[in-house]
Protein backbone atom coordinates (compact mmCIF):
# COMPACT_ATOMS: atom_id res chain seq x y z
CA MET A 1 0.00 0.00 0.00
CA SER A 2 2.73 2.48 0.89
CA TYR A 3 4.72 1.37 -2.19
CA GLU A 4 1.89 2.16 -4.56
CA ASN A 5 1.47 5.61 -3.02
CA GLU A 6 5.14 6.31 -3.54
CA LYS A 7 4.91 5.22 -7.13
CA PHE A 8 1.85 7.37 -7.74
CA ASN A 9 3.55 10.35 -6.16
CA ALA A 10 6.66 9.85 -8.23
CA VAL A 11 4.62 9.83 -11.38
CA ASN A 12 2.80 12.99 -10.36
CA ILE A 13 6.13 14.70 -9.71
CA TYR A 14 7.62 13.57 -13.06
CA ARG A 15 4.81 14.75 -15.36
CA PRO A 16 5.03 18.49 -14.58
CA THR A 17 8.79 18.33 -15.02
CA ASN A 18 8.39 16.72 -18.48
CA LEU A 19 5.77 19.27 -19.51
CA LEU A 20 8.03 22.11 -18.48
CA TYR A 21 10.81 20.64 -20.59
CA ILE A 22 8.58 20.47 -23.67
CA VAL A 23 7.39 24.05 -23.19
CA CYS A 24 10.98 25.25 -22.98
CA ILE A 25 11.86 23.50 -26.23
CA LEU A 26 8.85 25.07 -27.98
CA LEU A 27 9.68 28.52 -26.66
CA PHE A 28 13.29 28.15 -27.81
CA ALA A 29 12.22 26.99 -31.26
CA THR A 30 9.82 29.89 -31.57
CA ALA A 31 12.53 32.31 -30.54
CA CYS A 32 14.93 30.82 -33.10
CA SER A 33 12.31 31.00 -35.82
CA SER A 34 11.63 34.62 -34.94
CA SER A 35 15.34 35.34 -35.01
CA ASP A 36 15.74 33.69 -38.44
CA SER A 37 12.82 35.74 -39.78
CA GLU A 38 14.47 38.94 -38.59
CA LEU A 39 17.72 37.97 -40.30
CA LYS A 40 15.98 37.13 -43.62
CA PRO A 41 13.20 39.68 -44.23
CA SER A 42 10.83 39.45 -47.18
CA VAL A 43 11.52 41.20 -50.49
CA SER A 44 9.08 44.03 -51.33
CA ASN A 45 8.39 47.20 -53.33
CA LEU A 46 9.85 46.13 -56.69
CA GLN A 47 10.38 49.09 -59.05
CA VAL A 48 11.33 48.57 -62.73
CA GLU A 49 12.61 51.34 -65.02
CA VAL A 50 12.80 50.78 -68.79
CA MET A 51 14.96 53.10 -70.91
CA ILE A 52 14.80 52.79 -74.71
CA VAL A 53 18.08 54.04 -76.18
CA GLY A 54 17.63 57.16 -78.30
CA ALA A 55 14.02 57.73 -77.25
CA ASN A 56 12.72 61.29 -76.96
CA ASP A 57 9.50 63.20 -77.58
CA GLN A 58 10.04 63.02 -81.32
CA GLN A 59 11.28 59.42 -81.41
CA PRO A 60 9.44 57.73 -78.54
CA ASN A 61 10.35 54.25 -79.79
CA GLY A 62 14.10 54.87 -79.94
CA ASN A 63 16.75 55.55 -82.55
CA GLY A 64 16.47 52.26 -84.40
CA SER A 65 19.24 50.48 -82.50
CA GLY A 66 16.68 48.25 -80.76
CA VAL A 67 18.59 48.61 -77.48
CA VAL A 68 16.68 48.72 -74.19
CA GLN A 69 18.23 49.18 -70.75
CA VAL A 70 16.34 47.98 -67.67
CA THR A 71 16.96 48.72 -63.99
CA ALA A 72 15.16 46.91 -61.15
CA ILE A 73 15.34 47.74 -57.45
CA ALA A 74 13.48 46.24 -54.47
CA ASN A 75 13.66 46.29 -50.69
CA ASN A 76 15.71 43.40 -49.23
CA ALA A 77 16.55 41.95 -52.67
CA VAL A 78 19.91 40.21 -53.05
CA ARG A 79 19.64 39.25 -56.73
CA TYR A 80 17.47 39.81 -59.79
CA ALA A 81 16.48 38.11 -63.01
CA PHE A 82 14.95 39.32 -66.29
CA ARG A 83 13.11 37.86 -69.24
CA PHE A 84 12.80 39.93 -72.41
CA ASP A 85 10.25 39.33 -75.15
CA ASN A 86 9.26 35.89 -73.73
CA GLY A 87 12.83 34.66 -74.12
CA ASN A 88 15.16 32.98 -71.64
CA VAL A 89 15.46 34.13 -68.03
CA GLN A 90 18.77 35.92 -67.38
CA GLU A 91 20.28 36.44 -63.90
CA SER A 92 21.60 39.81 -62.72
CA PRO A 93 23.20 40.43 -59.31
CA THR A 94 23.04 44.22 -59.83
CA GLY A 95 19.47 44.60 -61.06
CA LYS A 96 20.64 46.11 -64.34
CA MET A 97 20.58 44.59 -67.82
CA GLU A 98 20.77 45.66 -71.47
CA PHE A 99 18.99 43.83 -74.26
CA VAL A 100 18.87 44.20 -78.04
CA ILE A 101 15.59 43.48 -79.84
CA SER A 102 16.28 41.39 -82.94
CA LYS A 103 13.04 41.76 -84.87
CA GLU A 104 13.03 44.67 -87.32
CA GLY A 105 10.33 47.33 -87.30
CA ILE A 106 8.05 48.52 -84.48
CA ASN A 107 7.94 45.94 -81.67
CA GLU A 108 5.34 45.90 -78.90
CA THR A 109 6.95 43.69 -76.28
CA ASN A 110 7.67 43.41 -72.54
CA VAL A 111 10.21 42.60 -69.85
CA VAL A 112 9.52 40.55 -66.71
CA ALA A 113 11.73 41.35 -63.70
CA TRP A 114 12.16 39.17 -60.60
CA ALA A 115 13.63 40.25 -57.25
CA TYR A 116 14.80 37.56 -54.77
CA SER A 117 15.41 37.73 -51.03
CA GLU A 118 18.21 35.84 -49.26
CA SER A 119 15.78 33.08 -48.33
CA GLY A 120 14.75 32.60 -51.95
CA GLU A 121 11.42 34.35 -51.76
CA PHE A 122 10.65 36.46 -54.84
CA ILE A 123 8.28 38.99 -56.36
CA ASN A 124 8.00 39.92 -60.03
CA LYS A 125 6.69 42.68 -62.26
CA THR A 126 5.95 42.95 -66.01
CA VAL A 127 6.50 46.20 -67.96
CA ASN A 128 5.23 46.60 -71.52
CA PHE A 129 7.02 48.89 -73.98
CA THR A 130 7.27 49.69 -77.71
CA ILE A 131 10.66 49.86 -79.44
CA TYR A 132 11.85 50.40 -83.00
CA LYS A 133 14.54 48.22 -84.58
CA SER A 134 16.10 49.49 -87.81
CA GLU A 135 16.97 47.16 -90.66
CA VAL A 136 20.52 48.47 -90.84
CA LYS A 137 22.69 50.16 -88.25
CA PHE A 138 23.83 53.48 -89.68
CA THR A 139 26.37 54.59 -87.08
CA ASN A 140 28.87 56.70 -89.04
CA LEU A 141 27.85 60.37 -88.97
CA VAL A 142 28.97 61.76 -92.34
CA PHE A 143 27.11 65.09 -92.50
CA ILE A 144 25.70 67.29 -89.75
CA ASP A 145 24.51 70.84 -89.26
CA GLU A 146 23.03 71.84 -85.90
CA PHE A 147 22.79 75.50 -86.96
CA ASN A 148 24.80 77.05 -84.19
CA GLY A 149 25.76 80.69 -84.52
CA GLU A 150 23.85 83.63 -85.96
CA GLY A 151 23.20 85.00 -89.44
CA SER A 152 24.17 83.29 -92.66
CA LEU A 153 24.20 79.56 -93.31
CA ASP A 154 27.48 77.62 -93.38
CA ALA A 155 28.62 78.16 -96.98
CA GLU A 156 30.72 74.99 -96.85
CA LYS A 157 27.58 72.91 -96.32
CA TRP A 158 24.77 74.71 -98.19
CA HIS A 159 24.07 76.20 -101.60
CA HIS A 160 21.20 78.59 -102.40
CA GLN A 161 19.44 77.54 -105.59
CA VAL A 162 17.92 80.72 -107.04
CA ILE A 163 17.85 80.44 -110.86
CA PRO A 164 14.28 79.62 -112.00
CA PRO A 165 14.61 76.74 -114.50
CA ASN A 166 11.24 77.02 -116.24
CA ASN A 167 11.30 80.21 -118.33
CA GLY A 168 11.60 82.53 -115.35
CA SER A 169 9.47 80.38 -113.07
CA TRP A 170 9.64 77.15 -111.09
CA PHE A 171 7.86 73.94 -112.03
CA ASN A 172 4.56 72.68 -110.61
CA GLY A 173 2.87 76.09 -110.88
CA GLU A 174 4.81 77.50 -107.93
CA MET A 175 4.36 81.23 -107.35
CA GLN A 176 7.59 82.26 -105.60
CA HIS A 177 11.14 83.25 -106.41
CA TYR A 178 13.90 81.72 -104.31
CA THR A 179 16.60 84.05 -102.98
CA ALA A 180 19.91 83.88 -101.11
CA ARG A 181 18.92 86.82 -98.88
CA LEU A 182 18.95 86.65 -95.07
CA ASN A 183 15.29 87.69 -95.19
CA ASN A 184 14.44 84.22 -96.52
CA SER A 185 16.99 81.96 -94.80
CA TYR A 186 19.08 82.56 -91.70
CA VAL A 187 20.37 80.97 -88.51
CA SER A 188 19.35 82.21 -85.06
CA ASN A 189 18.99 80.75 -81.56
CA GLY A 190 20.28 77.36 -82.65
CA THR A 191 17.91 76.75 -85.58
CA LEU A 192 17.66 77.43 -89.30
CA LYS A 193 14.71 79.49 -90.46
CA ILE A 194 13.41 79.27 -94.02
CA LYS A 195 10.86 82.03 -94.43
CA ALA A 196 8.30 82.51 -97.18
CA ILE A 197 7.35 86.20 -97.52
CA LYS A 198 4.68 88.07 -99.45
CA GLU A 199 6.54 90.74 -101.45
CA GLN A 200 7.18 91.75 -105.04
CA TYR A 201 10.50 90.38 -106.23
CA THR A 202 12.05 90.34 -109.68
CA TYR A 203 14.64 87.89 -110.97
CA GLY A 204 15.75 88.69 -114.51
CA ALA A 205 12.59 89.69 -116.33
CA SER A 206 10.30 87.65 -114.05
CA THR A 207 8.42 89.22 -111.14
CA LYS A 208 6.70 87.15 -108.45
CA SER A 209 4.59 88.09 -105.43
CA TYR A 210 6.36 85.77 -102.98
CA THR A 211 9.92 84.92 -101.96
CA SER A 212 11.38 81.93 -100.15
CA ALA A 213 14.59 79.83 -100.00
CA ARG A 214 15.63 76.55 -101.59
CA LEU A 215 18.77 74.97 -100.14
CA ASN A 216 20.99 72.22 -101.60
CA SER A 217 23.39 70.29 -99.41
CA LYS A 218 26.94 70.30 -100.75
CA TYR A 219 27.23 66.68 -99.72
CA ALA A 220 26.03 63.76 -101.86
CA PHE A 221 25.74 60.20 -100.60
CA THR A 222 24.58 56.72 -101.60
CA TYR A 223 22.63 54.76 -98.96
CA GLY A 224 22.29 55.87 -95.37
CA ARG A 225 19.93 57.43 -92.87
CA VAL A 226 18.76 61.05 -93.02
CA GLU A 227 17.30 62.81 -89.98
CA VAL A 228 15.81 66.32 -90.05
CA ARG A 229 14.15 67.74 -86.93
CA ALA A 230 11.79 70.50 -87.95
CA LYS A 231 8.71 72.61 -87.37
CA LEU A 232 6.67 73.27 -90.52
CA PRO A 233 5.00 76.49 -91.70
CA SER A 234 1.41 76.90 -90.57
CA ALA A 235 -0.04 79.17 -93.24
CA ALA A 236 -2.39 77.94 -95.96
CA GLY A 237 -0.74 77.91 -99.37
CA THR A 238 2.71 76.93 -98.07
CA TRP A 239 4.31 73.78 -99.48
CA PRO A 240 7.30 72.73 -97.34
CA ALA A 241 9.59 69.89 -98.42
CA ILE A 242 12.55 67.87 -97.17
CA TRP A 243 13.74 65.74 -100.07
CA THR A 244 16.57 64.42 -102.23
CA LEU A 245 17.48 64.41 -105.91
CA GLY A 246 19.99 62.31 -107.79
CA ALA A 247 23.23 64.30 -108.02
CA ASN A 248 23.33 63.45 -111.74
CA CYS A 249 20.11 65.45 -112.24
CA ASN A 250 21.32 68.34 -114.40
CA GLU A 251 18.94 70.93 -112.93
CA THR A 252 19.64 74.60 -113.66
CA GLY A 253 21.40 76.35 -110.81
CA SER A 254 21.69 73.31 -108.57
CA TYR A 255 24.95 72.79 -106.71
CA PHE A 256 25.82 69.53 -108.50
CA GLU A 257 24.75 70.71 -111.95
CA GLY A 258 26.88 68.77 -114.45
CA GLN A 259 29.22 67.27 -111.83
CA TYR A 260 27.72 63.76 -111.97
CA GLY A 261 26.54 63.77 -115.56
CA SER A 262 23.64 65.25 -117.49
CA GLY A 263 20.69 63.20 -116.30
CA GLN A 264 17.18 64.60 -116.36
CA TRP A 265 14.21 64.28 -114.02
CA PRO A 266 12.63 61.79 -113.37
CA GLY A 267 15.43 59.52 -114.60
CA CYS A 268 17.74 60.68 -111.81
CA GLY A 269 15.20 59.82 -109.09
CA GLU A 270 13.53 61.89 -106.38
CA ILE A 271 12.82 60.95 -102.75
CA ASP A 272 10.33 63.16 -100.91
CA ILE A 273 11.06 62.42 -97.28
CA MET A 274 8.50 65.00 -96.18
CA GLU A 275 6.01 67.13 -98.07
CA GLN A 276 2.90 68.88 -96.79
CA THR A 277 0.07 70.42 -98.73
CA GLY A 278 -1.07 73.98 -98.27
CA TRP A 279 -4.57 72.88 -97.26
CA ASP A 280 -3.94 70.00 -94.82
CA LYS A 281 -1.46 70.79 -92.06
CA ASN A 282 -2.18 67.60 -90.11
CA THR A 283 -0.90 65.13 -92.70
CA ILE A 284 2.61 64.31 -93.93
CA ILE A 285 3.31 62.98 -97.44
CA SER A 286 6.25 60.80 -98.49
CA HIS A 287 6.60 60.13 -102.20
CA PHE A 288 9.00 58.65 -104.73
CA HIS A 289 9.38 59.71 -108.37
CA TRP A 290 11.63 57.93 -110.86
CA GLY A 291 12.09 56.85 -114.43
CA ASP A 292 12.23 53.11 -115.10
CA ARG A 293 15.72 52.26 -116.35
CA ASN A 294 14.42 49.56 -118.66
CA THR A 295 11.45 51.33 -120.25
CA GLY A 296 12.03 55.01 -119.47
CA GLU A 297 8.47 55.13 -118.09
CA TYR A 298 7.73 57.65 -115.33
CA LYS A 299 6.68 55.93 -112.09
CA ASN A 300 5.75 57.09 -108.63
CA ARG A 301 4.67 55.66 -105.30
CA GLY A 302 4.03 57.09 -101.85
CA GLY A 303 2.00 57.28 -98.69
CA THR A 304 0.69 59.61 -95.98
CA LEU A 305 0.67 59.74 -92.18
CA PRO A 306 -1.50 61.85 -89.85
CA VAL A 307 0.76 64.04 -87.68
CA ALA A 308 -0.67 66.58 -85.25
CA ASN A 309 0.81 70.00 -84.44
CA THR A 310 3.44 70.02 -87.18
CA SER A 311 3.96 73.78 -86.88
CA GLY A 312 3.98 74.14 -83.09
CA GLN A 313 6.13 71.12 -82.22
CA PHE A 314 9.37 69.70 -83.60
CA HIS A 315 9.11 66.32 -85.32
CA VAL A 316 11.87 64.13 -86.75
CA TYR A 317 11.51 63.36 -90.45
CA SER A 318 13.82 60.54 -91.49
CA MET A 319 14.71 58.17 -94.29
CA GLU A 320 16.58 54.85 -94.35
CA TRP A 321 17.99 53.97 -97.76
CA THR A 322 19.59 50.63 -98.61
CA SER A 323 20.15 48.59 -101.75
CA SER A 324 16.96 46.64 -101.00
CA SER A 325 14.52 49.28 -99.71
CA ILE A 326 13.87 52.94 -98.92
CA LYS A 327 11.77 53.76 -95.86
CA THR A 328 10.47 57.12 -94.66
CA PHE A 329 9.39 57.90 -91.10
CA VAL A 330 7.96 60.59 -88.86
CA ASP A 331 9.09 60.25 -85.24
CA GLY A 332 10.02 56.63 -85.93
CA LYS A 333 6.62 55.76 -87.43
CA LEU A 334 6.77 54.32 -90.92
CA VAL A 335 5.15 56.45 -93.63
CA TYR A 336 6.09 54.43 -96.70
CA GLU A 337 8.48 51.69 -97.80
CA LEU A 338 9.59 51.35 -101.41
CA ALA A 339 11.35 48.20 -102.57
CA ASN A 340 14.65 49.14 -104.21
CA SER A 341 15.80 47.29 -107.32
CA SER A 342 18.03 47.57 -110.38
CA GLU A 343 15.35 49.17 -112.58
CA LYS A 344 15.15 52.14 -110.18
CA PRO A 345 17.81 54.89 -110.08
CA TYR A 346 18.32 54.60 -106.32
CA ASP A 347 21.88 53.26 -106.36
CA LYS A 348 23.64 56.54 -107.18
CA PRO A 349 24.50 59.60 -105.05
CA HIS A 350 21.70 61.91 -103.92
CA TYR A 351 21.82 65.31 -102.24
CA LEU A 352 19.42 66.92 -99.78
CA LEU A 353 17.06 69.82 -100.47
CA LEU A 354 15.11 72.02 -98.00
CA ASN A 355 12.54 74.55 -99.20
CA ILE A 356 9.13 76.17 -98.92
CA ALA A 357 7.23 76.64 -102.19
CA MET A 358 4.17 78.86 -102.46
CA GLY A 359 0.97 77.74 -104.16
CA GLY A 360 1.26 75.33 -107.06
CA ASN A 361 0.23 71.68 -107.22
CA LEU A 362 0.55 70.96 -103.50
CA GLY A 363 0.50 74.49 -102.11
CA GLY A 364 -2.94 75.30 -103.43
CA THR A 365 -4.69 78.55 -102.70
CA ILE A 366 -2.79 81.27 -100.85
CA ASN A 367 -4.96 83.39 -98.58
CA ASN A 368 -5.13 87.09 -99.41
CA ASP A 369 -4.03 88.01 -95.89
CA PHE A 370 -0.86 85.90 -96.07
CA GLN A 371 2.24 87.83 -94.97
CA GLU A 372 4.93 85.27 -94.03
CA SER A 373 5.39 81.75 -92.69
CA THR A 374 8.46 79.87 -91.49
CA MET A 375 9.94 76.36 -91.49
CA GLU A 376 12.30 75.99 -88.53
CA ILE A 377 14.97 73.28 -88.59
CA ASP A 378 16.83 72.17 -85.48
CA TYR A 379 19.33 69.83 -87.15
CA VAL A 380 20.17 67.88 -90.29
CA LYS A 381 22.11 64.60 -89.97
CA VAL A 382 23.22 61.95 -92.44
CA PHE A 383 24.52 58.58 -91.21
CA GLN A 384 26.03 55.72 -93.17
């Protein structure tokens, strides 16, 4: 009887001691777990910045290189990873990565970014973007004018074409004379101004009611990329143009007259990178004129693109010319693509022209209250 009581008492004494031991272990484990959590906090607040190389207000999709640079940053992240355009996942310890889009043209694509904590936890974020990839990389800058300084144009780069070639007038029913005066073309505040003015002006025996300027580049090139950043004239009846002619086009008074041969239009080829009518100031025209080398037949092709605020805002008008195609763009958006081939005259040097015509085929009616209107050009660049 006394033995059993001792045994019962011993058991009663042992159980609380065992329970206390278990509680201590649980408390210690909880403390350790809490300590580990404090040492390895969760990753949070992932921010992803996408920078398209060469992008600006005028070229929002980039400069044609197809290069995009991405930076990711997150709280408590120790490493990152990226996946571009649904491709392979690529690790980055710094959270920075550069990628080149391979598909030509305008690409609507995305990048997925992951941020990882030390414990392996992760969060991710997807950013969509649009980027332009050019067919050819034209990286060698061969001609540039950024119109620094004041007053006259750089005479080593530009020629004023002033001799009217069509019996005292210009072709296409144009109503102006072109001059070399500062009134009609000058440099100020970092831009070139070409100004069309209502005034009586006589050249030879021919008198016109309007004056303007027509500039020839003194540089001719075969294949390349042209970029002209410009604001266009706003007045009805103005016909601005950024274009090229074959240097073998033996046009009266042009800078290259006779230097490359005695070809005639349209056999020498014309590329209208940008034209705008006098009655629609919200549309840009790109057009090609040429003579078929096999048949001599005149041919032309072209397209249009709606562009808002062409007079109040600078836009980049560009052309990419290769042996296989010629493409024109406004702010990186394709206007027209012409397939190039041996029957077209687009394998010989061309030079650049900048001008405002008045009235005529694309200028149309000039308002009676017209006084003056200006095309302002920030820069001209040619790459090969």
